[in-house]
Amino acid sequence: MENEENIKVEYDESKEQIDNLQPTTITLEDGTQLFFNHITTCTMVDGKTINILTNTSSSQVCNVCGITPKDINNLTSSINRPCNTEAYKFGLSVLHSNLRTFQYLLNIAYKLDLKIWRTSPREKRQIEKRKKTNN
């Protein structure tokens, strides 16, 4: 069963196995030995799991800096926000990055005139109308 405790136990067990990996040794025909140390990271972890492992309260909160959609427009706050450097080890999924990047770029483009992230119902109707006329 997938719950917070089980996820943490599974992660700790995986981390221990990773930490106990032995270097790989390859001996070439001429007797030369090559040693390879394994460096592995858990970068293909879903958002729910990362939120649990980083103690992030919501999927709408950044697990690195803790910023919320409400605060994202406050540049002073977002630039000076301390980051949880431990969260860097989970990486950034290329799949999610590519898909989300274009979605965010479109959202920003549609809201350029408004210069705000959250919109009222009236503003949403204006944006939808503009989307339809641009397609």
C-alpha atoms as a PDB file:
ATOM      1  CA  MET A   1       0.000   0.000   0.000  1.00  0.00           C
ATOM      2  CA  GLU A   2       1.356   3.405  -0.962  1.00  0.00           C
ATOM      3  CA  ASN A   3       1.365   5.792   1.961  1.00  0.00           C
ATOM      4  CA  GLU A   4       3.763   8.341   3.422  1.00  0.00           C
ATOM      5  CA  GLU A   5       5.489   5.912   5.781  1.00  0.00           C
ATOM      6  CA  ASN A   6       5.929   3.185   3.137  1.00  0.00           C
ATOM      7  CA  ILE A   7       7.323   5.657   0.621  1.00  0.00           C
ATOM      8  CA  LYS A   8       9.928   6.860   3.123  1.00  0.00           C
ATOM      9  CA  VAL A   9      10.868   3.271   4.054  1.00  0.00           C
ATOM     10  CA  GLU A  10      11.200   2.266   0.380  1.00  0.00           C
ATOM     11  CA  TYR A  11      13.299   5.355  -0.375  1.00  0.00           C
ATOM     12  CA  ASP A  12      15.599   4.682   2.594  1.00  0.00           C
ATOM     13  CA  GLU A  13      16.044   1.048   1.508  1.00  0.00           C
ATOM     14  CA  SER A  14      16.829   2.107  -2.069  1.00  0.00           C
ATOM     15  CA  LYS A  15      19.245   4.768  -0.830  1.00  0.00           C
ATOM     16  CA  GLU A  16      21.031   2.192   1.331  1.00  0.00           C
ATOM     17  CA  GLN A  17      21.382  -0.171  -1.640  1.00  0.00           C
ATOM     18  CA  ILE A  18      22.759   2.684  -3.746  1.00  0.00           C
ATOM     19  CA  ASP A  19      25.227   3.636  -1.007  1.00  0.00           C
ATOM     20  CA  ASN A  20      26.433   0.012  -0.799  1.00  0.00           C
ATOM     21  CA  LEU A  21      27.142  -0.352  -4.511  1.00  0.00           C
ATOM     22  CA  GLN A  22      30.649  -1.640  -5.132  1.00  0.00           C
ATOM     23  CA  PRO A  23      32.840  -0.201  -7.884  1.00  0.00           C
ATOM     24  CA  THR A  24      32.908  -2.152 -11.139  1.00  0.00           C
ATOM     25  CA  THR A  25      36.301  -3.410 -12.257  1.00  0.00           C
ATOM     26  CA  ILE A  26      37.061  -4.280 -15.857  1.00  0.00           C
ATOM     27  CA  THR A  27      40.322  -5.945 -16.826  1.00  0.00           C
ATOM     28  CA  LEU A  28      41.446  -5.346 -20.401  1.00  0.00           C
ATOM     29  CA  GLU A  29      43.397  -7.874 -22.511  1.00  0.00           C
ATOM     30  CA  ASP A  30      46.670  -6.081 -21.767  1.00  0.00           C
ATOM     31  CA  GLY A  31      46.041  -6.388 -18.010  1.00  0.00           C
ATOM     32  CA  THR A  32      44.995  -2.785 -17.512  1.00  0.00           C
ATOM     33  CA  GLN A  33      42.259  -2.472 -14.935  1.00  0.00           C
ATOM     34  CA  LEU A  34      39.516   0.100 -15.148  1.00  0.00           C
ATOM     35  CA  PHE A  35      37.538   1.001 -12.045  1.00  0.00           C
ATOM     36  CA  PHE A  36      34.096   2.596 -12.244  1.00  0.00           C
ATOM     37  CA  ASN A  37      32.366   4.142  -9.263  1.00  0.00           C
ATOM     38  CA  HIS A  38      28.602   4.332  -9.598  1.00  0.00           C
ATOM     39  CA  ILE A  39      26.914   7.638  -8.995  1.00  0.00           C
ATOM     40  CA  THR A  40      23.152   7.235  -8.985  1.00  0.00           C
ATOM     41  CA  THR A  41      20.365   9.633  -8.172  1.00  0.00           C
ATOM     42  CA  CYS A  42      16.614   9.256  -7.827  1.00  0.00           C
ATOM     43  CA  THR A  43      15.587  11.627 -10.592  1.00  0.00           C
ATOM     44  CA  MET A  44      12.693   9.592 -12.012  1.00  0.00           C
ATOM     45  CA  VAL A  45      10.442   9.999  -8.991  1.00  0.00           C
ATOM     46  CA  ASP A  46       6.873  11.267  -9.303  1.00  0.00           C
ATOM     47  CA  GLY A  47       5.739  14.556  -7.771  1.00  0.00           C
ATOM     48  CA  LYS A  48       3.721  12.981  -4.960  1.00  0.00           C
ATOM     49  CA  THR A  49       6.748  10.992  -3.794  1.00  0.00           C
ATOM     50  CA  ILE A  50       9.076  13.993  -4.006  1.00  0.00           C
ATOM     51  CA  ASN A  51       6.600  16.062  -1.964  1.00  0.00           C
ATOM     52  CA  ILE A  52       6.582  13.395   0.735  1.00  0.00           C
ATOM     53  CA  LEU A  53      10.379  13.037   0.762  1.00  0.00           C
ATOM     54  CA  THR A  54      10.916  16.814   0.901  1.00  0.00           C
ATOM     55  CA  ASN A  55       8.062  17.448   3.355  1.00  0.00           C
ATOM     56  CA  THR A  56       6.310  19.712   0.857  1.00  0.00           C
ATOM     57  CA  SER A  57       2.714  20.343   1.858  1.00  0.00           C
ATOM     58  CA  SER A  58       1.117  20.661  -1.574  1.00  0.00           C
ATOM     59  CA  SER A  59       1.759  19.854  -5.223  1.00  0.00           C
ATOM     60  CA  GLN A  60       1.267  23.567  -5.928  1.00  0.00           C
ATOM     61  CA  VAL A  61       4.231  24.469  -3.727  1.00  0.00           C
ATOM     62  CA  CYS A  62       7.749  24.302  -5.163  1.00  0.00           C
ATOM     63  CA  ASN A  63       9.635  21.528  -3.362  1.00  0.00           C
ATOM     64  CA  VAL A  64      12.923  23.420  -3.757  1.00  0.00           C
ATOM     65  CA  CYS A  65      12.047  26.947  -2.610  1.00  0.00           C
ATOM     66  CA  GLY A  66       8.512  26.587  -1.222  1.00  0.00           C
ATOM     67  CA  ILE A  67       7.005  29.351  -3.348  1.00  0.00           C
ATOM     68  CA  THR A  68       3.292  29.218  -4.124  1.00  0.00           C
ATOM     69  CA  PRO A  69       1.440  30.399  -7.249  1.00  0.00           C
ATOM     70  CA  LYS A  70       0.167  33.356  -5.218  1.00  0.00           C
ATOM     71  CA  ASP A  71       3.716  34.546  -4.436  1.00  0.00           C
ATOM     72  CA  ILE A  72       5.357  33.818  -7.793  1.00  0.00           C
ATOM     73  CA  ASN A  73       4.771  37.383  -9.085  1.00  0.00           C
ATOM     74  CA  ASN A  74       6.576  38.936  -6.127  1.00  0.00           C
ATOM     75  CA  LEU A  75      10.083  39.001  -7.629  1.00  0.00           C
ATOM     76  CA  THR A  76      11.752  40.270  -4.465  1.00  0.00           C
ATOM     77  CA  SER A  77      10.272  37.420  -2.468  1.00  0.00           C
ATOM     78  CA  SER A  78      10.989  34.741  -5.067  1.00  0.00           C
ATOM     79  CA  ILE A  79      14.590  35.797  -5.759  1.00  0.00           C
ATOM     80  CA  ASN A  80      15.562  36.030  -2.084  1.00  0.00           C
ATOM     81  CA  ARG A  81      13.796  32.805  -1.094  1.00  0.00           C
ATOM     82  CA  PRO A  82      16.153  30.209   0.425  1.00  0.00           C
ATOM     83  CA  CYS A  83      16.273  26.887  -1.411  1.00  0.00           C
ATOM     84  CA  ASN A  84      16.182  23.373   0.009  1.00  0.00           C
ATOM     85  CA  THR A  85      19.378  22.146  -1.650  1.00  0.00           C
ATOM     86  CA  GLU A  86      18.548  18.584  -0.554  1.00  0.00           C
ATOM     87  CA  ALA A  87      15.668  18.661  -3.059  1.00  0.00           C
ATOM     88  CA  TYR A  88      18.139  19.161  -5.930  1.00  0.00           C
ATOM     89  CA  LYS A  89      19.091  15.486  -5.734  1.00  0.00           C
ATOM     90  CA  PHE A  90      15.700  14.524  -7.185  1.00  0.00           C
ATOM     91  CA  GLY A  91      16.512  16.389 -10.374  1.00  0.00           C
ATOM     92  CA  LEU A  92      14.100  17.806 -12.849  1.00  0.00           C
ATOM     93  CA  SER A  93      12.216  15.407 -15.050  1.00  0.00           C
ATOM     94  CA  VAL A  94      12.798  16.275 -18.697  1.00  0.00           C
ATOM     95  CA  LEU A  95       9.351  14.973 -19.600  1.00  0.00           C
ATOM     96  CA  HIS A  96       7.564  17.217 -17.118  1.00  0.00           C
ATOM     97  CA  SER A  97       9.883  20.092 -17.876  1.00  0.00           C
ATOM     98  CA  ASN A  98       9.223  20.011 -21.614  1.00  0.00           C
ATOM     99  CA  LEU A  99       5.475  19.604 -21.243  1.00  0.00           C
ATOM    100  CA  ARG A 100       5.116  22.200 -18.513  1.00  0.00           C
ATOM    101  CA  THR A 101       7.526  24.709 -20.043  1.00  0.00           C
ATOM    102  CA  PHE A 102       5.365  25.240 -23.104  1.00  0.00           C
ATOM    103  CA  GLN A 103       2.214  25.351 -20.999  1.00  0.00           C
ATOM    104  CA  TYR A 104       3.734  28.066 -18.799  1.00  0.00           C
ATOM    105  CA  LEU A 105       5.033  29.999 -21.791  1.00  0.00           C
ATOM    106  CA  LEU A 106       1.542  29.991 -23.292  1.00  0.00           C
ATOM    107  CA  ASN A 107       0.026  31.055 -19.970  1.00  0.00           C
ATOM    108  CA  ILE A 108       2.516  33.899 -19.702  1.00  0.00           C
ATOM    109  CA  ALA A 109       1.915  34.964 -23.294  1.00  0.00           C
ATOM    110  CA  TYR A 110      -1.852  35.039 -22.797  1.00  0.00           C
ATOM    111  CA  LYS A 111      -1.467  37.136 -19.653  1.00  0.00           C
ATOM    112  CA  LEU A 112       1.146  39.613 -20.889  1.00  0.00           C
ATOM    113  CA  ASP A 113      -1.394  42.425 -20.998  1.00  0.00           C
ATOM    114  CA  LEU A 114      -2.559  41.637 -17.460  1.00  0.00           C
ATOM    115  CA  LYS A 115       0.902  41.215 -15.870  1.00  0.00           C
ATOM    116  CA  ILE A 116      -0.536  39.002 -13.116  1.00  0.00           C
ATOM    117  CA  TRP A 117      -0.636  35.232 -12.648  1.00  0.00           C
ATOM    118  CA  ARG A 118      -4.005  34.748 -10.955  1.00  0.00           C
ATOM    119  CA  THR A 119      -6.972  36.080 -12.838  1.00  0.00           C
ATOM    120  CA  SER A 120     -10.559  36.940 -12.048  1.00  0.00           C
ATOM    121  CA  PRO A 121     -13.453  35.269 -13.916  1.00  0.00           C
ATOM    122  CA  ARG A 122     -13.825  38.385 -16.091  1.00  0.00           C
ATOM    123  CA  GLU A 123     -10.117  38.321 -16.988  1.00  0.00           C
ATOM    124  CA  LYS A 124     -10.347  34.589 -17.721  1.00  0.00           C
ATOM    125  CA  ARG A 125     -13.134  35.239 -20.231  1.00  0.00           C
ATOM    126  CA  GLN A 126     -10.984  37.874 -21.949  1.00  0.00           C
ATOM    127  CA  ILE A 127      -8.063  35.456 -22.151  1.00  0.00           C
ATOM    128  CA  GLU A 128     -10.270  32.668 -23.538  1.00  0.00           C
ATOM    129  CA  LYS A 129     -11.670  35.049 -26.137  1.00  0.00           C
ATOM    130  CA  ARG A 130      -8.144  36.076 -27.195  1.00  0.00           C
ATOM    131  CA  LYS A 131      -7.052  32.402 -27.380  1.00  0.00           C
ATOM    132  CA  LYS A 132      -9.915  31.619 -29.745  1.00  0.00           C
ATOM    133  CA  THR A 133      -9.205  34.597 -32.015  1.00  0.00           C
ATOM    134  CA  ASN A 134      -5.482  33.666 -32.224  1.00  0.00           C
ATOM    135  CA  ASN A 135      -6.135  30.026 -33.248  1.00  0.00           C
END
